[in-house]
Each structure stands twice: as C-alpha cells, then as structure tokens.
C-alpha cells in the first residue's frame, strides 16, 4: 500500500502540511520549455487526508494557510531555480 502522495497543486500541498504531513521532496521536470514541480508528502493517514481534500470537506485556518502558501511557493521557486541551473550547466558542458 502506498504511504505517500505526490501533487503539483499548491493548495493541496498546503492542506497536507497544515494537517501534519511531511514534505519529503520537491522534484522538477522540464516540460515544453518550463519546469513542472511535484511535491511528495508522507505522514500518518496521508491517503485519508487526500480523500478528505478531494471530497471538498477540507478546512484549514486561513491565516495559517496564507503563510504556508507563501512557503510552498518559495520551495517550488527554489527547486525551479536549481533545475534551471543544472540544465544550464549541462548545456554548457555539452558544447565544450
């Protein structure tokens, strides 16, 4: 049984963090000239929390959500920056 979930949705990511889940990784992949990120979460009852989120019954404190949203955006921005840097180095290395 899967004990983790991945998502590219920032709102969904915030929900998991506010419900006590742990962000394991932020991974990015180049897609059509842009970097798309997936966040991997683990934690007790993660699949039940996912079902709660998708059922439309999820609720969180709006003030905490706002802060968490900014943090998730910062993590994604940093991941994209690192991946772009790696891609640039590969491109430069391939030309030499």
Protein backbone atom coordinates (compact mmCIF):
# COMPACT_ATOMS: atom_id res chain seq x y z
CA UNK A 1 0.00 0.00 0.00
CA UNK A 2 1.27 3.44 -0.93
CA UNK A 3 2.24 5.56 2.09
CA UNK A 4 2.96 8.76 0.20
CA UNK A 5 1.29 11.03 -2.32
CA UNK A 6 2.62 13.42 -4.94
CA UNK A 7 0.94 16.55 -6.20
CA UNK A 8 1.71 19.64 -8.22
CA UNK A 9 -1.18 21.55 -6.64
CA UNK A 10 -0.11 24.29 -4.21
CA UNK A 11 -3.44 24.40 -2.34
CA UNK A 12 -3.41 20.64 -1.88
CA UNK A 13 0.20 20.83 -0.68
CA UNK A 14 -0.70 23.45 1.91
CA UNK A 15 -3.55 21.28 3.17
CA UNK A 16 -1.22 18.34 3.77
CA UNK A 17 1.34 20.47 5.56
CA UNK A 18 -1.31 22.04 7.78
CA UNK A 19 -2.63 18.57 8.62
CA UNK A 20 0.76 17.41 9.91
CA UNK A 21 2.19 15.70 6.85
CA UNK A 22 5.86 15.93 5.95
CA UNK A 23 7.19 17.29 2.67
CA UNK A 24 9.79 14.75 1.53
CA UNK A 25 10.89 16.17 -1.82
CA UNK A 26 10.20 18.80 -4.44
CA UNK A 27 11.15 17.46 -7.84
CA UNK A 28 11.03 19.32 -11.10
CA UNK A 29 10.87 18.12 -14.68
CA UNK A 30 11.28 20.16 -17.85
CA UNK A 31 8.01 20.12 -19.82
CA UNK A 32 7.61 22.18 -23.01
CA UNK A 33 10.28 24.66 -22.00
CA UNK A 34 9.02 25.09 -18.42
CA UNK A 35 9.78 23.34 -15.16
CA UNK A 36 6.83 21.47 -13.62
CA UNK A 37 7.22 20.56 -9.95
CA UNK A 38 5.80 17.64 -7.97
CA UNK A 39 5.80 17.64 -4.18
CA UNK A 40 5.97 14.33 -2.33
CA UNK A 41 4.28 14.04 1.08
CA UNK A 42 4.28 11.36 3.75
CA UNK A 43 2.60 11.10 7.11
CA UNK A 44 0.08 9.19 9.17
CA UNK A 45 -3.24 8.84 7.38
CA UNK A 46 -1.99 10.53 4.23
CA UNK A 47 -4.43 8.68 1.98
CA UNK A 48 -7.36 9.58 4.22
CA UNK A 49 -6.27 13.21 4.16
CA UNK A 50 -6.12 13.06 0.37
CA UNK A 51 -9.66 11.66 0.29
CA UNK A 52 -10.80 14.44 2.61
CA UNK A 53 -9.22 17.07 0.37
CA UNK A 54 -10.79 15.69 -2.80
CA UNK A 55 -14.20 15.26 -1.17
CA UNK A 56 -14.49 19.01 -0.78
CA UNK A 57 -14.68 18.77 3.01
CA UNK A 58 -11.19 20.05 3.72
CA UNK A 59 -10.86 23.05 6.00
CA UNK A 60 -7.87 24.86 7.48
CA UNK A 61 -7.16 28.08 9.33
CA UNK A 62 -7.00 30.80 6.67
CA UNK A 63 -4.20 32.74 8.37
CA UNK A 64 -2.01 29.63 8.62
CA UNK A 65 -2.91 28.69 5.05
CA UNK A 66 -1.70 32.07 3.81
CA UNK A 67 1.68 31.62 5.48
CA UNK A 68 2.01 28.04 4.31
CA UNK A 69 1.08 29.02 0.74
CA UNK A 70 3.96 31.51 0.64
CA UNK A 71 6.38 28.87 1.99
CA UNK A 72 5.32 26.26 -0.58
CA UNK A 73 5.71 28.81 -3.38
CA UNK A 74 9.21 29.63 -2.13
CA UNK A 75 10.17 25.92 -2.11
CA UNK A 76 8.89 25.49 -5.66
CA UNK A 77 10.68 28.63 -6.84
CA UNK A 78 13.94 27.38 -5.33
CA UNK A 79 13.55 23.94 -6.91
CA UNK A 80 12.92 25.51 -10.33
CA UNK A 81 15.96 27.74 -9.90
CA UNK A 82 18.18 24.75 -9.07
CA UNK A 83 16.89 22.72 -12.01
CA UNK A 84 17.35 25.61 -14.43
CA UNK A 85 20.90 25.99 -13.12
CA UNK A 86 21.58 22.26 -13.62
CA UNK A 87 20.16 22.37 -17.15
CA UNK A 88 22.29 25.41 -17.99
CA UNK A 89 25.41 23.63 -16.75
CA UNK A 90 24.58 20.53 -18.81
CA UNK A 91 24.06 22.64 -21.90
CA UNK A 92 27.34 24.49 -21.38
CA UNK A 93 29.18 21.24 -20.64
CA UNK A 94 27.78 19.62 -23.78
CA UNK A 95 29.06 22.40 -26.03
CA UNK A 96 32.70 22.13 -24.92
